[in-house]
Amino acid sequence: MEKVLVFGGTRFFGNKLVERLINSGCDVTIATRGKTQDSFGGKVKRVQLDRSVDDSRWDEISSVQWDAVYDNICYNQNDAEIAVTRLGKNVVKFIFTSTLSVYGISETAQVEDDFSPMHYTLPEKDKELDYGEGKRAAEAYFFQKSGWDVSAVRFPIVLGLDDYTKRLHFHIEKVSKEQDIGFPNIEASMGFVSSDEAADALFFLKDQPGLGPINICSEGHLTLKQLMNHIENATNKTAKITSDVTEENHSPFGVSGSWYMDPSKAKAAGFHLRKLESWLFPLIDQLAGQYSKAH
């Protein structure tokens, strides 16, 4: 029975990943701060710790030999260093949840070589970094310092009914209420991935050799204008789009230019990608229906 450790497995695609690991017969331990209840009952072991604090709460997991470790909640080099120091040589395979944010805005699809963690100069310890730079530094630390078999899974924005950040919900509510939504560039193209697809990809990588950086996203992309057109159809309302962006109306998808990835490496590895429109448009319809019934 494979022993698997999951940092952050109680919400969203992390929760779905743990379900898949349990169903496959893995011996699963989840490590979180214990602030979010889970529904796994006695099917998992639990360790309560703060991922960003190196203290005695790590002792329970630091001496265990792990067949696979998933890290969904590492955001910077300091967090990465704690894991590498504490887990040492007791990791066979390490799967790190990274992000599209390691790339910049581009009118062409980003490929893995557009950011190389092996050629990244690590910043000074404890230096404050924004989200994208923090993930770059974390990737670099794992690849340069751990000696583990690492895959860094670069996801775009993850969407689903269970998205606790409610980014897609924001747009449906604003359109339904006929309120302004601010977009710096409504013609920008974006890619997305569903929470189920994200969980499937993480589970898939457990049984693969370390693939290094790997883009995981649905196949295809669309402009923000196309996205809003479908929300208009689903809500029977006209979206009030403005380029006068404020803190209140700023779309969570509001980017200055196109931002999407090429998932060819994942396809070549044998991972089945979903067509973006096959799940995104039905999700919008479902959320719009739920909002209409509630209001």
C-alpha atoms as a PDB file:
ATOM      1  CA  MET A   1       0.000   0.000   0.000  1.00  0.00           C
ATOM      2  CA  GLU A   2       1.480   3.325  -1.064  1.00  0.00           C
ATOM      3  CA  LYS A   3       1.992   5.880   1.676  1.00  0.00           C
ATOM      4  CA  VAL A   4       0.942   9.325   0.443  1.00  0.00           C
ATOM      5  CA  LEU A   5       1.197  12.673   2.212  1.00  0.00           C
ATOM      6  CA  VAL A   6      -0.982  15.587   1.068  1.00  0.00           C
ATOM      7  CA  PHE A   7      -0.389  19.144   2.226  1.00  0.00           C
ATOM      8  CA  GLY A   8      -3.762  20.822   1.842  1.00  0.00           C
ATOM      9  CA  GLY A   9      -6.354  18.171   1.035  1.00  0.00           C
ATOM     10  CA  THR A  10      -9.557  19.500   2.564  1.00  0.00           C
ATOM     11  CA  ARG A  11     -10.855  21.931  -0.067  1.00  0.00           C
ATOM     12  CA  PHE A  12     -11.493  22.196  -3.794  1.00  0.00           C
ATOM     13  CA  PHE A  13      -9.299  20.056  -6.051  1.00  0.00           C
ATOM     14  CA  GLY A  14      -7.172  18.967  -3.063  1.00  0.00           C
ATOM     15  CA  ASN A  15     -10.254  17.351  -1.564  1.00  0.00           C
ATOM     16  CA  LYS A  16     -11.007  15.630  -4.872  1.00  0.00           C
ATOM     17  CA  LEU A  17      -7.416  14.386  -5.072  1.00  0.00           C
ATOM     18  CA  VAL A  18      -7.650  12.794  -1.629  1.00  0.00           C
ATOM     19  CA  GLU A  19     -10.879  11.048  -2.663  1.00  0.00           C
ATOM     20  CA  ARG A  20      -9.081   9.548  -5.665  1.00  0.00           C
ATOM     21  CA  LEU A  21      -6.134   8.431  -3.539  1.00  0.00           C
ATOM     22  CA  ILE A  22      -8.429   6.762  -0.997  1.00  0.00           C
ATOM     23  CA  ASN A  23     -10.413   4.997  -3.712  1.00  0.00           C
ATOM     24  CA  SER A  24      -7.200   3.639  -5.217  1.00  0.00           C
ATOM     25  CA  GLY A  25      -6.207   2.058  -1.910  1.00  0.00           C
ATOM     26  CA  CYS A  26      -3.476   4.464  -0.792  1.00  0.00           C
ATOM     27  CA  ASP A  27      -2.574   5.021   2.853  1.00  0.00           C
ATOM     28  CA  VAL A  28      -3.247   8.766   2.964  1.00  0.00           C
ATOM     29  CA  THR A  29      -2.154  11.360   5.497  1.00  0.00           C
ATOM     30  CA  ILE A  30      -3.382  14.941   5.172  1.00  0.00           C
ATOM     31  CA  ALA A  31      -1.428  17.784   6.761  1.00  0.00           C
ATOM     32  CA  THR A  32      -3.308  21.048   7.325  1.00  0.00           C
ATOM     33  CA  ARG A  33      -3.827  23.679   9.984  1.00  0.00           C
ATOM     34  CA  GLY A  34      -7.068  21.922  10.895  1.00  0.00           C
ATOM     35  CA  LYS A  35      -9.272  24.915  10.169  1.00  0.00           C
ATOM     36  CA  THR A  36     -11.379  23.190   7.498  1.00  0.00           C
ATOM     37  CA  GLN A  37     -13.294  20.037   8.324  1.00  0.00           C
ATOM     38  CA  ASP A  38     -13.137  17.134   5.903  1.00  0.00           C
ATOM     39  CA  SER A  39     -15.533  14.289   5.196  1.00  0.00           C
ATOM     40  CA  PHE A  40     -12.995  11.457   5.047  1.00  0.00           C
ATOM     41  CA  GLY A  41     -13.668  10.050   8.507  1.00  0.00           C
ATOM     42  CA  GLY A  42     -11.348   7.195   9.382  1.00  0.00           C
ATOM     43  CA  LYS A  43     -10.161   6.782   5.787  1.00  0.00           C
ATOM     44  CA  VAL A  44      -7.212   9.151   6.292  1.00  0.00           C
ATOM     45  CA  LYS A  45      -4.703  10.039   8.968  1.00  0.00           C
ATOM     46  CA  ARG A  46      -4.396  13.693   9.964  1.00  0.00           C
ATOM     47  CA  VAL A  47      -1.501  15.840  11.070  1.00  0.00           C
ATOM     48  CA  GLN A  48      -2.159  19.397  12.213  1.00  0.00           C
ATOM     49  CA  LEU A  49       0.611  21.841  11.385  1.00  0.00           C
ATOM     50  CA  ASP A  50       1.234  25.219   9.845  1.00  0.00           C
ATOM     51  CA  ARG A  51       2.938  24.574   6.507  1.00  0.00           C
ATOM     52  CA  SER A  52       4.983  27.773   6.874  1.00  0.00           C
ATOM     53  CA  VAL A  53       6.287  27.157  10.404  1.00  0.00           C
ATOM     54  CA  ASP A  54       9.171  24.825  11.182  1.00  0.00           C
ATOM     55  CA  ASP A  55       8.336  23.389  14.593  1.00  0.00           C
ATOM     56  CA  SER A  56       7.866  20.083  16.416  1.00  0.00           C
ATOM     57  CA  ARG A  57       4.548  19.412  14.681  1.00  0.00           C
ATOM     58  CA  TRP A  58       6.579  18.252  11.660  1.00  0.00           C
ATOM     59  CA  ASP A  59       8.133  15.432  13.709  1.00  0.00           C
ATOM     60  CA  GLU A  60       5.206  13.092  13.084  1.00  0.00           C
ATOM     61  CA  ILE A  61       5.768  13.089   9.324  1.00  0.00           C
ATOM     62  CA  SER A  62       9.482  13.806   8.966  1.00  0.00           C
ATOM     63  CA  SER A  63      10.620  10.248   9.753  1.00  0.00           C
ATOM     64  CA  VAL A  64       8.099   8.453   7.517  1.00  0.00           C
ATOM     65  CA  GLN A  65       9.114   7.075   4.114  1.00  0.00           C
ATOM     66  CA  TRP A  66       6.623   8.563   1.656  1.00  0.00           C
ATOM     67  CA  ASP A  67       5.957   7.022  -1.746  1.00  0.00           C
ATOM     68  CA  ALA A  68       4.436  10.318  -2.860  1.00  0.00           C
ATOM     69  CA  VAL A  69       4.067  13.789  -1.372  1.00  0.00           C
ATOM     70  CA  TYR A  70       1.642  16.362  -2.761  1.00  0.00           C
ATOM     71  CA  ASP A  71       2.202  19.988  -1.836  1.00  0.00           C
ATOM     72  CA  ASN A  72      -0.789  22.184  -2.686  1.00  0.00           C
ATOM     73  CA  ILE A  73      -0.048  24.961  -0.206  1.00  0.00           C
ATOM     74  CA  CYS A  74       3.600  25.959  -0.689  1.00  0.00           C
ATOM     75  CA  TYR A  75       3.826  29.564  -1.855  1.00  0.00           C
ATOM     76  CA  ASN A  76       7.457  30.574  -1.544  1.00  0.00           C
ATOM     77  CA  GLN A  77      11.074  29.530  -1.125  1.00  0.00           C
ATOM     78  CA  ASN A  78      10.909  29.551   2.682  1.00  0.00           C
ATOM     79  CA  ASP A  79       8.043  27.036   2.671  1.00  0.00           C
ATOM     80  CA  ALA A  80       9.952  24.881   0.193  1.00  0.00           C
ATOM     81  CA  GLU A  81      13.073  24.933   2.339  1.00  0.00           C
ATOM     82  CA  ILE A  82      11.138  23.739   5.394  1.00  0.00           C
ATOM     83  CA  ALA A  83       9.753  20.762   3.464  1.00  0.00           C
ATOM     84  CA  VAL A  84      13.127  19.817   1.982  1.00  0.00           C
ATOM     85  CA  THR A  85      14.877  20.091   5.355  1.00  0.00           C
ATOM     86  CA  ARG A  86      12.192  18.228   7.273  1.00  0.00           C
ATOM     87  CA  LEU A  87      11.391  15.448   4.808  1.00  0.00           C
ATOM     88  CA  GLY A  88      14.986  14.914   3.716  1.00  0.00           C
ATOM     89  CA  LYS A  89      15.567  11.632   1.930  1.00  0.00           C
ATOM     90  CA  ASN A  90      12.177  10.181   2.864  1.00  0.00           C
ATOM     91  CA  VAL A  91      10.420  11.189  -0.372  1.00  0.00           C
ATOM     92  CA  VAL A  92      10.252   8.976  -3.448  1.00  0.00           C
ATOM     93  CA  LYS A  93       8.112  11.314  -5.555  1.00  0.00           C
ATOM     94  CA  PHE A  94       7.159  14.951  -4.971  1.00  0.00           C
ATOM     95  CA  ILE A  95       4.300  16.670  -6.806  1.00  0.00           C
ATOM     96  CA  PHE A  96       4.127  20.422  -6.353  1.00  0.00           C
ATOM     97  CA  THR A  97       1.106  22.492  -7.301  1.00  0.00           C
ATOM     98  CA  SER A  98       2.469  25.478  -9.183  1.00  0.00           C
ATOM     99  CA  THR A  99       0.724  28.001 -11.398  1.00  0.00           C
ATOM    100  CA  LEU A 100       0.337  29.787 -14.720  1.00  0.00           C
ATOM    101  CA  SER A 101       1.563  32.831 -12.778  1.00  0.00           C
ATOM    102  CA  VAL A 102       5.169  31.704 -13.216  1.00  0.00           C
ATOM    103  CA  TYR A 103       4.717  32.989 -16.785  1.00  0.00           C
ATOM    104  CA  GLY A 104       4.139  36.528 -17.950  1.00  0.00           C
ATOM    105  CA  ILE A 105       1.421  37.849 -20.233  1.00  0.00           C
ATOM    106  CA  SER A 106       1.859  36.636 -23.816  1.00  0.00           C
ATOM    107  CA  GLU A 107      -0.155  36.525 -27.029  1.00  0.00           C
ATOM    108  CA  THR A 108       1.152  33.001 -27.659  1.00  0.00           C
ATOM    109  CA  ALA A 109       0.665  29.866 -25.568  1.00  0.00           C
ATOM    110  CA  GLN A 110       3.248  29.477 -22.827  1.00  0.00           C
ATOM    111  CA  VAL A 111       5.388  26.330 -22.877  1.00  0.00           C
ATOM    112  CA  GLU A 112       7.291  24.870 -19.951  1.00  0.00           C
ATOM    113  CA  ASP A 113      10.666  26.147 -21.168  1.00  0.00           C
ATOM    114  CA  ASP A 114       9.418  29.733 -20.956  1.00  0.00           C
ATOM    115  CA  PHE A 115      10.321  29.519 -17.268  1.00  0.00           C
ATOM    116  CA  SER A 116      13.153  27.222 -16.222  1.00  0.00           C
ATOM    117  CA  PRO A 117      13.378  26.674 -12.431  1.00  0.00           C
ATOM    118  CA  MET A 118      16.842  25.176 -12.886  1.00  0.00           C
ATOM    119  CA  HIS A 119      18.177  28.480 -14.225  1.00  0.00           C
ATOM    120  CA  TYR A 120      16.419  30.728 -11.717  1.00  0.00           C
ATOM    121  CA  THR A 121      18.551  32.546  -9.159  1.00  0.00           C
ATOM    122  CA  LEU A 122      17.048  31.991  -5.735  1.00  0.00           C
ATOM    123  CA  PRO A 123      16.226  35.234  -3.892  1.00  0.00           C
ATOM    124  CA  GLU A 124      17.482  36.146  -0.466  1.00  0.00           C
ATOM    125  CA  LYS A 125      15.841  34.168   2.309  1.00  0.00           C
ATOM    126  CA  ASP A 126      12.726  35.842   3.801  1.00  0.00           C
ATOM    127  CA  LYS A 127      12.491  38.333   0.938  1.00  0.00           C
ATOM    128  CA  GLU A 128       8.863  39.259   0.278  1.00  0.00           C
ATOM    129  CA  LEU A 129       7.668  38.097  -3.115  1.00  0.00           C
ATOM    130  CA  ASP A 130       4.402  38.399  -4.978  1.00  0.00           C
ATOM    131  CA  TYR A 131       2.407  35.259  -5.768  1.00  0.00           C
ATOM    132  CA  GLY A 132       3.988  34.476  -9.132  1.00  0.00           C
ATOM    133  CA  GLU A 133       7.548  35.159  -7.975  1.00  0.00           C
ATOM    134  CA  GLY A 134       6.957  33.129  -4.823  1.00  0.00           C
ATOM    135  CA  LYS A 135       5.892  30.128  -6.890  1.00  0.00           C
ATOM    136  CA  ARG A 136       8.916  30.540  -9.181  1.00  0.00           C
ATOM    137  CA  ALA A 137      11.214  30.542  -6.160  1.00  0.00           C
ATOM    138  CA  ALA A 138       9.472  27.503  -4.655  1.00  0.00           C
ATOM    139  CA  GLU A 139       9.769  25.560  -7.907  1.00  0.00           C
ATOM    140  CA  ALA A 140      13.435  26.490  -8.169  1.00  0.00           C
ATOM    141  CA  TYR A 141      14.165  25.422  -4.611  1.00  0.00           C
ATOM    142  CA  PHE A 142      12.570  21.995  -5.061  1.00  0.00           C
ATOM    143  CA  PHE A 143      14.357  21.319  -8.337  1.00  0.00           C
ATOM    144  CA  GLN A 144      17.724  22.719  -7.284  1.00  0.00           C
ATOM    145  CA  LYS A 145      17.944  21.647  -3.642  1.00  0.00           C
ATOM    146  CA  SER A 146      15.748  18.623  -2.872  1.00  0.00           C
ATOM    147  CA  GLY A 147      17.251  15.774  -4.894  1.00  0.00           C
ATOM    148  CA  TRP A 148      13.695  14.410  -5.200  1.00  0.00           C
ATOM    149  CA  ASP A 149      11.836  13.133  -8.250  1.00  0.00           C
ATOM    150  CA  VAL A 150       9.783  16.327  -8.769  1.00  0.00           C
ATOM    151  CA  SER A 151       6.852  17.311 -10.953  1.00  0.00           C
ATOM    152  CA  ALA A 152       5.725  20.957 -10.784  1.00  0.00           C
ATOM    153  CA  VAL A 153       2.154  21.151 -12.027  1.00  0.00           C
ATOM    154  CA  ARG A 154       1.398  24.551 -13.537  1.00  0.00           C
ATOM    155  CA  PHE A 155      -2.346  25.170 -13.404  1.00  0.00           C
ATOM    156  CA  PRO A 156      -4.234  28.155 -14.804  1.00  0.00           C
ATOM    157  CA  ILE A 157      -7.271  29.402 -12.874  1.00  0.00           C
ATOM    158  CA  VAL A 158      -9.128  26.366 -11.538  1.00  0.00           C
ATOM    159  CA  LEU A 159     -12.922  26.512 -11.689  1.00  0.00           C
ATOM    160  CA  GLY A 160     -15.752  24.371 -10.361  1.00  0.00           C
ATOM    161  CA  LEU A 161     -18.961  24.343  -8.370  1.00  0.00           C
ATOM    162  CA  ASP A 162     -16.799  23.946  -5.280  1.00  0.00           C
ATOM    163  CA  ASP A 163     -14.528  26.946  -5.950  1.00  0.00           C
ATOM    164  CA  TYR A 164     -14.451  28.658  -2.558  1.00  0.00           C
ATOM    165  CA  THR A 165     -12.987  31.810  -4.141  1.00  0.00           C
ATOM    166  CA  LYS A 166     -16.137  32.116  -6.310  1.00  0.00           C
ATOM    167  CA  ARG A 167     -14.342  33.782  -9.216  1.00  0.00           C
ATOM    168  CA  LEU A 168     -16.782  32.603 -11.867  1.00  0.00           C
ATOM    169  CA  HIS A 169     -19.667  33.247  -9.483  1.00  0.00           C
ATOM    170  CA  PHE A 170     -18.536  36.890  -9.304  1.00  0.00           C
ATOM    171  CA  HIS A 171     -19.216  37.398 -13.008  1.00  0.00           C
ATOM    172  CA  ILE A 172     -22.591  35.670 -12.958  1.00  0.00           C
ATOM    173  CA  GLU A 173     -23.727  37.743  -9.999  1.00  0.00           C
ATOM    174  CA  LYS A 174     -22.522  41.028 -11.503  1.00  0.00           C
ATOM    175  CA  VAL A 175     -24.235  40.341 -14.832  1.00  0.00           C
ATOM    176  CA  SER A 176     -27.431  39.179 -13.110  1.00  0.00           C
ATOM    177  CA  LYS A 177     -27.514  42.387 -11.056  1.00  0.00           C
ATOM    178  CA  GLU A 178     -26.631  44.489 -14.114  1.00  0.00           C
ATOM    179  CA  GLN A 179     -23.561  45.853 -12.350  1.00  0.00           C
ATOM    180  CA  ASP A 180     -20.305  46.987 -13.965  1.00  0.00           C
ATOM    181  CA  ILE A 181     -17.494  44.501 -14.475  1.00  0.00           C
ATOM    182  CA  GLY A 182     -14.058  45.992 -15.104  1.00  0.00           C
ATOM    183  CA  PHE A 183     -11.793  44.370 -17.693  1.00  0.00           C
ATOM    184  CA  PRO A 184      -8.470  45.945 -18.686  1.00  0.00           C
ATOM    185  CA  ASN A 185      -8.635  43.956 -21.937  1.00  0.00           C
ATOM    186  CA  ILE A 186     -11.880  42.182 -22.861  1.00  0.00           C
ATOM    187  CA  GLU A 187     -10.213  40.724 -25.974  1.00  0.00           C
ATOM    188  CA  ALA A 188      -7.526  38.908 -23.969  1.00  0.00           C
ATOM    189  CA  SER A 189      -7.543  35.112 -24.263  1.00  0.00           C
ATOM    190  CA  MET A 190      -7.376  32.834 -21.232  1.00  0.00           C
ATOM    191  CA  GLY A 191      -7.227  29.145 -20.481  1.00  0.00           C
ATOM    192  CA  PHE A 192      -8.756  27.346 -17.511  1.00  0.00           C
ATOM    193  CA  VAL A 193      -8.917  23.928 -15.892  1.00  0.00           C
ATOM    194  CA  SER A 194     -11.767  22.282 -13.972  1.00  0.00           C
ATOM    195  CA  SER A 195     -11.314  21.156 -10.376  1.00  0.00           C
ATOM    196  CA  ASP A 196     -12.017  17.550 -11.428  1.00  0.00           C
ATOM    197  CA  GLU A 197      -9.444  17.753 -14.204  1.00  0.00           C
ATOM    198  CA  ALA A 198      -6.883  19.242 -11.806  1.00  0.00           C
ATOM    199  CA  ALA A 199      -7.436  16.403  -9.327  1.00  0.00           C
ATOM    200  CA  ASP A 200      -7.228  13.817 -12.122  1.00  0.00           C
ATOM    201  CA  ALA A 201      -3.918  15.272 -13.274  1.00  0.00           C
ATOM    202  CA  LEU A 202      -2.383  15.247  -9.801  1.00  0.00           C
ATOM    203  CA  PHE A 203      -3.497  11.655  -9.298  1.00  0.00           C
ATOM    204  CA  PHE A 204      -2.136  10.676 -12.733  1.00  0.00           C
ATOM    205  CA  LEU A 205       1.300  12.083 -11.888  1.00  0.00           C
ATOM    206  CA  LYS A 206       1.665   9.804  -8.863  1.00  0.00           C
ATOM    207  CA  ASP A 207       2.350   6.900 -11.198  1.00  0.00           C
ATOM    208  CA  GLN A 208       4.611   8.787 -13.605  1.00  0.00           C
ATOM    209  CA  PRO A 209       8.330   9.490 -13.347  1.00  0.00           C
ATOM    210  CA  GLY A 210       9.103  13.046 -12.279  1.00  0.00           C
ATOM    211  CA  LEU A 211       8.177  15.132 -15.308  1.00  0.00           C
ATOM    212  CA  GLY A 212       9.697  18.410 -14.191  1.00  0.00           C
ATOM    213  CA  PRO A 213       7.537  21.461 -14.913  1.00  0.00           C
ATOM    214  CA  ILE A 214       4.313  20.454 -16.652  1.00  0.00           C
ATOM    215  CA  ASN A 215       1.387  22.567 -17.893  1.00  0.00           C
ATOM    216  CA  ILE A 216      -2.010  21.136 -17.029  1.00  0.00           C
ATOM    217  CA  CYS A 217      -5.009  22.915 -18.535  1.00  0.00           C
ATOM    218  CA  SER A 218      -8.080  22.120 -20.571  1.00  0.00           C
ATOM    219  CA  GLU A 219      -7.617  21.961 -24.311  1.00  0.00           C
ATOM    220  CA  GLY A 220      -8.413  25.290 -25.916  1.00  0.00           C
ATOM    221  CA  HIS A 221      -8.762  28.884 -24.790  1.00  0.00           C
ATOM    222  CA  LEU A 222     -11.249  31.682 -25.298  1.00  0.00           C
ATOM    223  CA  THR A 223     -11.378  35.441 -25.115  1.00  0.00           C
ATOM    224  CA  LEU A 224     -12.902  37.090 -22.095  1.00  0.00           C
ATOM    225  CA  LYS A 225     -15.492  38.555 -24.458  1.00  0.00           C
ATOM    226  CA  GLN A 226     -16.520  35.025 -25.506  1.00  0.00           C
ATOM    227  CA  LEU A 227     -16.733  34.020 -21.852  1.00  0.00           C
ATOM    228  CA  MET A 228     -18.939  36.987 -21.016  1.00  0.00           C
ATOM    229  CA  ASN A 229     -21.143  36.330 -24.050  1.00  0.00           C
ATOM    230  CA  HIS A 230     -21.953  32.892 -22.674  1.00  0.00           C
ATOM    231  CA  ILE A 231     -22.692  34.328 -19.239  1.00  0.00           C
ATOM    232  CA  GLU A 232     -25.062  36.781 -20.921  1.00  0.00           C
ATOM    233  CA  ASN A 233     -26.850  33.893 -22.643  1.00  0.00           C
ATOM    234  CA  ALA A 234     -27.049  31.909 -19.401  1.00  0.00           C
ATOM    235  CA  THR A 235     -28.458  34.804 -17.375  1.00  0.00           C
ATOM    236  CA  ASN A 236     -30.569  36.455 -20.104  1.00  0.00           C
ATOM    237  CA  LYS A 237     -28.906  39.739 -19.152  1.00  0.00           C
ATOM    238  CA  THR A 238     -26.541  42.123 -20.906  1.00  0.00           C
ATOM    239  CA  ALA A 239     -23.138  42.430 -19.257  1.00  0.00           C
ATOM    240  CA  LYS A 240     -22.066  45.965 -18.367  1.00  0.00           C
ATOM    241  CA  ILE A 241     -18.390  45.821 -19.383  1.00  0.00           C
ATOM    242  CA  THR A 242     -16.161  48.756 -18.563  1.00  0.00           C
ATOM    243  CA  SER A 243     -12.474  49.501 -19.002  1.00  0.00           C
ATOM    244  CA  ASP A 244     -12.733  51.896 -16.051  1.00  0.00           C
ATOM    245  CA  VAL A 245     -11.473  49.325 -13.568  1.00  0.00           C
ATOM    246  CA  THR A 246     -11.998  49.903  -9.850  1.00  0.00           C
ATOM    247  CA  GLU A 247     -11.354  47.789  -6.764  1.00  0.00           C
ATOM    248  CA  GLU A 248     -15.065  46.955  -6.588  1.00  0.00           C
ATOM    249  CA  ASN A 249     -15.696  45.996 -10.218  1.00  0.00           C
ATOM    250  CA  HIS A 250     -12.327  44.464 -11.187  1.00  0.00           C
ATOM    251  CA  SER A 251     -12.876  41.043 -12.729  1.00  0.00           C
ATOM    252  CA  PRO A 252     -10.838  38.203 -11.143  1.00  0.00           C
ATOM    253  CA  PHE A 253     -10.060  37.325 -14.775  1.00  0.00           C
ATOM    254  CA  GLY A 254      -9.122  40.893 -15.635  1.00  0.00           C
ATOM    255  CA  VAL A 255      -5.714  40.672 -17.278  1.00  0.00           C
ATOM    256  CA  SER A 256      -3.925  43.156 -19.497  1.00  0.00           C
ATOM    257  CA  GLY A 257      -3.198  40.630 -22.237  1.00  0.00           C
ATOM    258  CA  SER A 258      -3.606  36.999 -23.229  1.00  0.00           C
ATOM    259  CA  TRP A 259      -2.492  34.414 -20.697  1.00  0.00           C
ATOM    260  CA  TYR A 260      -2.729  30.724 -21.478  1.00  0.00           C
ATOM    261  CA  MET A 261      -0.599  27.595 -21.761  1.00  0.00           C
ATOM    262  CA  ASP A 262       0.326  24.853 -24.193  1.00  0.00           C
ATOM    263  CA  PRO A 263      -0.437  21.442 -22.604  1.00  0.00           C
ATOM    264  CA  SER A 264       1.339  19.357 -25.274  1.00  0.00           C
ATOM    265  CA  LYS A 265       3.757  17.879 -22.736  1.00  0.00           C
ATOM    266  CA  ALA A 266       0.880  16.549 -20.622  1.00  0.00           C
ATOM    267  CA  LYS A 267      -0.762  15.018 -23.702  1.00  0.00           C
ATOM    268  CA  ALA A 268       2.500  13.382 -24.721  1.00  0.00           C
ATOM    269  CA  ALA A 269       2.792  11.889 -21.221  1.00  0.00           C
ATOM    270  CA  GLY A 270      -0.610  10.237 -21.695  1.00  0.00           C
ATOM    271  CA  PHE A 271      -2.874  12.555 -19.699  1.00  0.00           C
ATOM    272  CA  HIS A 272      -6.303  12.984 -21.263  1.00  0.00           C
ATOM    273  CA  LEU A 273      -7.234  16.667 -21.548  1.00  0.00           C
ATOM    274  CA  ARG A 274     -10.834  17.825 -21.560  1.00  0.00           C
ATOM    275  CA  LYS A 275     -12.079  20.281 -24.144  1.00  0.00           C
ATOM    276  CA  LEU A 276     -12.523  23.632 -22.401  1.00  0.00           C
ATOM    277  CA  GLU A 277     -16.023  24.312 -23.723  1.00  0.00           C
ATOM    278  CA  SER A 278     -17.199  20.790 -22.805  1.00  0.00           C
ATOM    279  CA  TRP A 279     -17.243  21.637 -19.092  1.00  0.00           C
ATOM    280  CA  LEU A 280     -16.923  25.429 -18.776  1.00  0.00           C
ATOM    281  CA  PHE A 281     -20.140  26.372 -20.578  1.00  0.00           C
ATOM    282  CA  PRO A 282     -22.243  23.745 -18.710  1.00  0.00           C
ATOM    283  CA  LEU A 283     -20.694  25.008 -15.450  1.00  0.00           C
ATOM    284  CA  ILE A 284     -21.719  28.574 -16.275  1.00  0.00           C
ATOM    285  CA  ASP A 285     -25.257  27.394 -17.080  1.00  0.00           C
ATOM    286  CA  GLN A 286     -25.459  25.477 -13.803  1.00  0.00           C
ATOM    287  CA  LEU A 287     -24.181  28.378 -11.698  1.00  0.00           C
ATOM    288  CA  ALA A 288     -26.510  30.814 -13.446  1.00  0.00           C
ATOM    289  CA  GLY A 289     -29.430  28.495 -12.750  1.00  0.00           C
ATOM    290  CA  GLN A 290     -28.494  28.213  -9.092  1.00  0.00           C
ATOM    291  CA  TYR A 291     -28.180  31.980  -8.768  1.00  0.00           C
ATOM    292  CA  SER A 292     -31.547  32.537 -10.434  1.00  0.00           C
ATOM    293  CA  LYS A 293     -33.294  30.087  -8.092  1.00  0.00           C
ATOM    294  CA  ALA A 294     -31.681  31.669  -5.021  1.00  0.00           C
ATOM    295  CA  HIS A 295     -32.710  35.184  -6.036  1.00  0.00           C
END
